[in-house]
Protein backbone atom coordinates (compact mmCIF):
# COMPACT_ATOMS: atom_id res chain seq x y z
CA MET A 1 17.07 68.44 46.02
CA LYS A 2 13.16 69.53 45.42
CA LYS A 3 11.59 72.73 45.88
CA SER A 4 8.99 72.41 48.78
CA THR A 5 6.56 73.57 45.75
CA GLU A 6 7.50 71.16 43.45
CA ILE A 7 6.26 68.27 45.73
CA GLN A 8 3.13 70.06 46.83
CA SER A 9 -0.13 68.81 45.04
CA LEU A 10 2.08 65.81 43.22
CA PRO A 11 -0.01 62.61 42.85
CA ILE A 12 0.60 59.94 45.15
CA ILE A 13 1.20 56.52 43.24
CA ASN A 14 0.87 53.16 45.15
CA ILE A 15 3.86 51.02 43.34
CA SER A 16 2.34 47.64 44.14
CA ASP A 17 -0.95 47.98 41.99
CA GLY A 18 -0.39 51.35 40.09
CA SER A 19 -2.99 53.26 41.90
CA GLU A 20 -3.45 56.81 42.90
CA ILE A 21 -3.94 57.18 46.61
CA GLY A 22 -4.00 60.66 46.72
CA LYS A 23 -2.19 64.00 46.52
CA VAL A 24 0.22 65.76 48.69
CA ARG A 25 -1.33 68.52 50.53
CA SER A 26 1.55 69.72 52.64
CA LEU A 27 5.10 69.23 54.16
CA VAL A 28 5.02 68.65 57.67
CA VAL A 29 8.56 70.19 59.16
CA ASN A 30 10.09 68.65 62.22
CA PRO A 31 11.77 71.90 64.12
CA GLU A 32 14.07 69.79 65.97
CA LYS A 33 15.73 67.91 62.78
CA GLY A 34 15.19 70.67 60.12
CA SER A 35 13.80 68.17 58.03
CA VAL A 36 10.57 67.14 56.81
CA ASP A 37 9.10 64.18 58.20
CA PHE A 38 5.92 63.83 56.72
CA LEU A 39 3.56 64.57 53.68
CA THR A 40 0.21 65.18 54.71
CA VAL A 41 -2.21 63.27 51.98
CA GLU A 42 -5.28 64.95 50.00
CA HIS A 43 -8.18 62.65 49.37
CA GLU A 44 -11.98 63.28 48.54
CA ASP A 45 -13.10 60.52 50.92
CA TRP A 46 -10.85 61.24 53.75
CA GLN A 47 -12.74 64.22 54.84
CA ILE A 48 -12.58 64.08 58.45
CA SER A 49 -9.22 62.56 59.65
CA VAL A 50 -6.08 63.88 58.30
CA ARG A 51 -3.57 61.28 56.75
CA ALA A 52 0.17 61.39 55.79
CA ILE A 53 3.12 59.49 54.66
CA PRO A 54 6.59 59.30 56.86
CA PHE A 55 9.09 60.55 54.39
CA LYS A 56 11.00 57.54 55.52
CA LYS A 57 8.25 55.51 53.34
CA VAL A 58 8.72 57.46 50.00
CA VAL A 59 10.61 55.50 47.31
CA GLY A 60 11.13 58.52 45.16
CA ILE A 61 9.68 61.96 44.34
CA GLY A 62 10.20 62.66 40.42
CA GLU A 63 8.81 65.44 38.37
CA TYR A 64 5.10 63.98 37.89
CA ALA A 65 4.50 61.83 41.35
CA VAL A 66 5.36 60.73 44.70
CA THR A 67 5.83 56.68 44.96
CA VAL A 68 5.36 54.80 48.11
CA GLU A 69 5.83 50.78 48.06
CA HIS A 70 2.06 50.07 49.52
CA GLU A 71 -0.94 52.14 50.38
CA ASN A 72 -0.23 50.93 54.25
CA ALA A 73 2.75 53.63 54.16
CA VAL A 74 -0.61 56.02 54.60
CA ILE A 75 -1.33 56.65 58.44
CA ASP A 76 -3.75 58.46 60.36
CA LEU A 77 -2.54 60.99 62.36
CA ASN A 78 -4.73 60.49 65.16
CA GLU A 79 -3.00 57.49 65.71
CA ILE A 80 0.56 58.81 65.99
CA PRO A 81 0.40 61.31 68.69
CA ILE A 82 3.87 62.62 67.48
CA ALA A 83 3.15 63.42 63.84
CA ASN A 84 0.00 64.91 65.13
CA SER A 85 1.80 67.21 67.14
CA LEU A 86 4.34 68.10 64.47
CA VAL A 87 1.19 68.96 62.25
CA ASN A 88 -0.43 71.20 64.76
CA LYS A 89 2.85 73.01 65.52
CA LYS A 90 2.39 74.41 61.81
CA ILE A 91 6.14 75.22 60.94
CA ARG A 92 5.46 76.39 57.14
CA VAL A 93 9.30 77.93 57.00
CA THR A 94 8.08 79.48 53.48
CA ASP A 95 7.33 82.98 54.23
CA ALA A 96 8.65 82.90 57.58
CA ARG A 97 10.87 85.70 58.58
CA LEU A 98 14.71 85.27 58.87
CA MET A 99 16.22 87.02 61.92
CA THR A 100 19.50 86.52 63.68
CA ARG A 101 20.39 85.54 67.47
CA LYS A 102 20.49 89.16 68.34
CA GLY A 103 17.49 90.57 66.53
CA GLN A 104 18.28 91.78 63.41
CA MET A 105 16.02 91.28 60.71
CA ILE A 106 17.78 90.18 57.31
CA GLY A 107 15.27 88.69 55.08
CA GLU A 108 12.20 86.72 54.20
CA ILE A 109 11.65 82.92 53.40
CA VAL A 110 10.41 82.70 49.97
CA GLU A 111 10.72 79.03 48.91
CA PHE A 112 12.93 76.14 51.11
CA HIS A 113 14.82 72.81 49.06
CA VAL A 114 14.69 69.54 50.43
CA ASP A 115 16.66 66.68 50.38
CA ASP A 116 14.47 64.09 48.30
CA GLU A 117 16.01 61.19 49.77
CA SER A 118 16.19 62.35 53.23
CA GLY A 119 13.70 65.00 53.91
CA ALA A 120 16.16 67.41 55.48
CA ILE A 121 15.75 70.94 54.76
CA ARG A 122 18.95 71.87 52.95
CA THR A 123 18.74 75.43 51.44
CA LEU A 124 16.43 78.45 52.00
CA GLU A 125 15.73 80.74 49.30
CA VAL A 126 15.58 84.17 51.25
CA LYS A 127 14.14 87.88 49.48
CA SER A 128 16.05 90.59 51.21
CA LYS A 129 15.04 93.83 49.79
CA SER A 130 14.89 93.77 46.38
CA ASP A 131 17.14 90.96 46.13
CA SER A 132 17.01 87.13 46.60
CA TYR A 133 19.54 84.86 47.89
CA TYR A 134 20.11 81.36 49.01
CA LEU A 135 21.18 80.38 52.59
CA ASP A 136 22.21 76.75 53.70
CA SER A 137 20.36 75.35 56.21
CA PRO A 138 23.46 74.90 58.84
CA HIS A 139 23.28 78.57 59.54
CA VAL A 140 19.88 78.05 61.13
CA LEU A 141 19.81 78.07 64.73
CA THR A 142 15.67 77.74 65.36
CA TRP A 143 12.73 76.78 63.02
CA GLY A 144 9.82 78.91 64.36
CA LYS A 145 6.21 79.20 63.26
CA ASP A 146 6.53 82.61 62.07
CA ILE A 147 10.49 83.39 62.23
CA VAL A 148 13.61 81.33 61.52
CA ILE A 149 16.32 82.43 64.03
CA VAL A 150 19.90 82.15 62.04
CA LYS A 151 23.21 82.69 63.52
CA GLU A 152 24.52 86.29 63.82
CA ASP A 153 27.08 86.06 60.40
CA ALA A 154 24.29 84.34 58.34
CA ALA A 155 24.24 87.23 55.87
CA GLU A 156 28.07 86.98 55.31
CA TYR A 157 26.95 83.30 53.34
CA PHE A 158 24.37 84.57 51.66
CA ARG A 159 24.80 82.84 47.57
CA GLU A 160 23.40 84.51 44.65
CA THR A 161 23.28 81.09 42.91
CA LEU A 162 21.78 77.92 44.31
CA VAL A 163 24.48 74.99 44.77
CA GLU A 164 23.93 71.54 45.91
CA VAL A 165 26.37 71.01 48.56
CA GLU A 166 26.41 68.58 51.82
CA VAL A 167 25.58 69.99 55.21
CA GLU A 168 28.79 70.12 56.56
CA ASP A 169 29.94 72.36 54.10
CA ILE A 170 29.25 75.77 55.79
CA SER A 171 32.81 77.30 56.02
CA THR A 172 33.01 79.07 52.77
CA PRO A 173 31.74 82.81 52.41
CA ARG A 174 29.72 83.86 49.26
CA GLU A 175 32.64 85.14 47.38
CA VAL A 176 34.75 81.98 47.48
CA VAL A 177 31.85 79.72 46.79
CA VAL A 178 30.83 81.52 43.49
CA MET A 179 34.60 80.88 41.95
CA GLU A 180 35.19 77.56 43.69
CA GLU A 181 34.88 74.51 41.50
CA PRO A 182 32.69 76.28 38.77
CA VAL A 183 33.50 73.49 36.42
CA VAL A 184 32.68 71.03 38.42
CA ILE A 185 29.21 72.68 39.10
CA GLN A 186 28.66 73.17 35.01
CA GLU A 187 29.62 69.26 34.47
CA ALA A 188 27.28 68.32 37.36
CA ALA A 189 24.19 70.56 36.03
CA ALA A 190 25.22 68.93 32.43
CA THR A 191 24.98 65.64 33.88
CA GLN A 192 21.85 65.92 35.49
CA ALA A 193 20.26 67.50 32.26
CA ASP A 194 21.79 64.56 29.96
CA GLY A 195 20.14 62.00 32.73
CA LEU A 196 16.33 63.88 32.62
CA LYS A 197 16.80 63.87 28.69
CA ASP A 198 17.42 59.96 29.04
CA ILE A 199 14.37 59.68 31.28
CA GLU A 200 12.15 61.67 28.67
CA ASN A 201 13.40 59.54 25.82
CA ARG A 202 12.74 56.39 27.47
CA GLN A 203 9.14 57.39 28.30
CA MET A 204 8.38 58.46 24.68
CA GLU A 205 9.47 55.05 23.69
CA LEU A 206 7.13 53.30 26.06
CA LEU A 207 4.19 55.60 25.53
CA VAL A 208 4.69 55.76 21.68
CA GLY A 209 1.88 53.62 19.73
CA ARG A 210 0.14 52.60 22.73
CA GLN A 211 -3.81 53.23 23.13
CA THR A 212 -5.56 55.38 25.47
CA ALA A 213 -8.19 53.50 27.27
CA GLU A 214 -10.04 56.43 28.43
CA ASP A 215 -10.49 60.07 27.42
CA ILE A 216 -7.74 62.13 28.46
CA PHE A 217 -8.80 65.81 29.49
CA SER A 218 -6.75 68.67 30.48
CA LEU A 219 -7.23 70.60 33.94
CA GLU A 220 -9.79 72.74 32.67
CA GLY A 221 -11.87 70.05 31.30
CA GLU A 222 -10.29 70.12 27.34
CA LEU A 223 -10.17 66.64 25.60
CA LEU A 224 -6.91 66.37 25.05
CA ILE A 225 -6.88 62.76 23.69
CA PRO A 226 -9.80 60.76 22.85
CA LYS A 227 -10.42 57.14 23.86
CA GLY A 228 -8.78 54.49 21.64
CA ALA A 229 -6.30 56.97 19.99
CA GLU A 230 -2.91 55.86 19.11
CA LEU A 231 -0.26 57.72 21.16
CA THR A 232 2.13 60.09 19.03
CA ARG A 233 5.23 61.73 20.12
CA THR A 234 3.05 65.25 19.69
CA ASP A 235 0.28 63.64 22.01
CA ILE A 236 2.52 62.84 24.93
CA GLN A 237 4.16 66.21 24.85
CA SER A 238 1.04 67.93 24.73
CA VAL A 239 -0.09 65.99 28.14
CA LYS A 240 3.04 66.69 29.77
CA GLU A 241 2.84 70.65 28.73
CA ALA A 242 -0.79 70.24 30.49
CA GLY A 243 0.86 69.19 33.94
CA PRO A 244 2.25 65.99 36.17
CA SER A 245 -1.42 65.06 37.08
CA VAL A 246 -2.64 64.63 33.66
CA PHE A 247 0.63 63.28 32.49
CA VAL A 248 -0.32 60.27 35.36
CA GLU A 249 -3.54 60.13 34.39
CA LEU A 250 -2.42 58.86 31.07
CA THR A 251 0.24 56.52 32.01
CA MET A 252 -2.43 54.91 34.01
CA ASN A 253 -4.69 54.50 31.05
CA ILE A 254 -3.14 53.33 28.30
CA ARG A 255 -3.04 49.86 26.57
C-alpha cells in the first residue's frame, strides 16, 4: 500500500525511453468504486488541458517514481468524458469528515492508503479528537466530496496500528486484530524491510563508480555533485536524502 501523499509529486517515468513525462499532480477518486482511477499529470508545457494517466496503465509506484510503459499512457481528459467527470467531482478523501449513516460525526480523514497494484482505497487514517486510528475501506458506504459516510458501528473497528489486510477481512474488531497473528505481521514487516534493503544495495552497486553527465543540484539549487564526478556511496546517499526527484535526476544523468 502507498499513502496518497507518497504518490503525489512523484516524477512519472516513461520506461520505453527513460524520459520524465511530468509529475503526479493529484489522485482522482472514483466514488462508485472507492478507488483511485486516474493520476493527473503536472507538466510545464501542458497549461491549457488537464492530462492524466489511467491507474491501470501504471506499471509501478516506487519510492522515487511512477512508471508507465509509454508516453501514450497519458490521455487528455477533454477527450474522455468519464474521466473528466470524475475530476470535476473533486472527491478528495483527505480532510473529509467521517460520519455514520445516522448522522454521528466520528472523526476527520487525514490520510488514505491505496493498493499500488489496483488503485483501490484500502485504509483510512482518521483523527478523532486527540487520537488517530485506522479504518478499513469496506466500512465506507458513501464517498462524498466533503463527508464520507460509514456504517453505524465503524468506530468499533478503529485500529491503532496500520496492518495490510484484504478488503474482505472486516469482521474482527480492533481488540482482536491487535492480538491476532502478531508474529505474522512482524515477519511480514521484516521481509519488506529486507526487500527494501536489497533494492537499495542494488541501486548502490549500479551507480557507484559511474560518472555524472550533468551537474546535480538540490531542490534549493545547491550543487550536490559536479558534472564528470565519479560517484561514491556518500554522494548517492546525499542525493537520496535530497528527495526522490533529485535522485531520479541523478539516475537519468550518468554515464
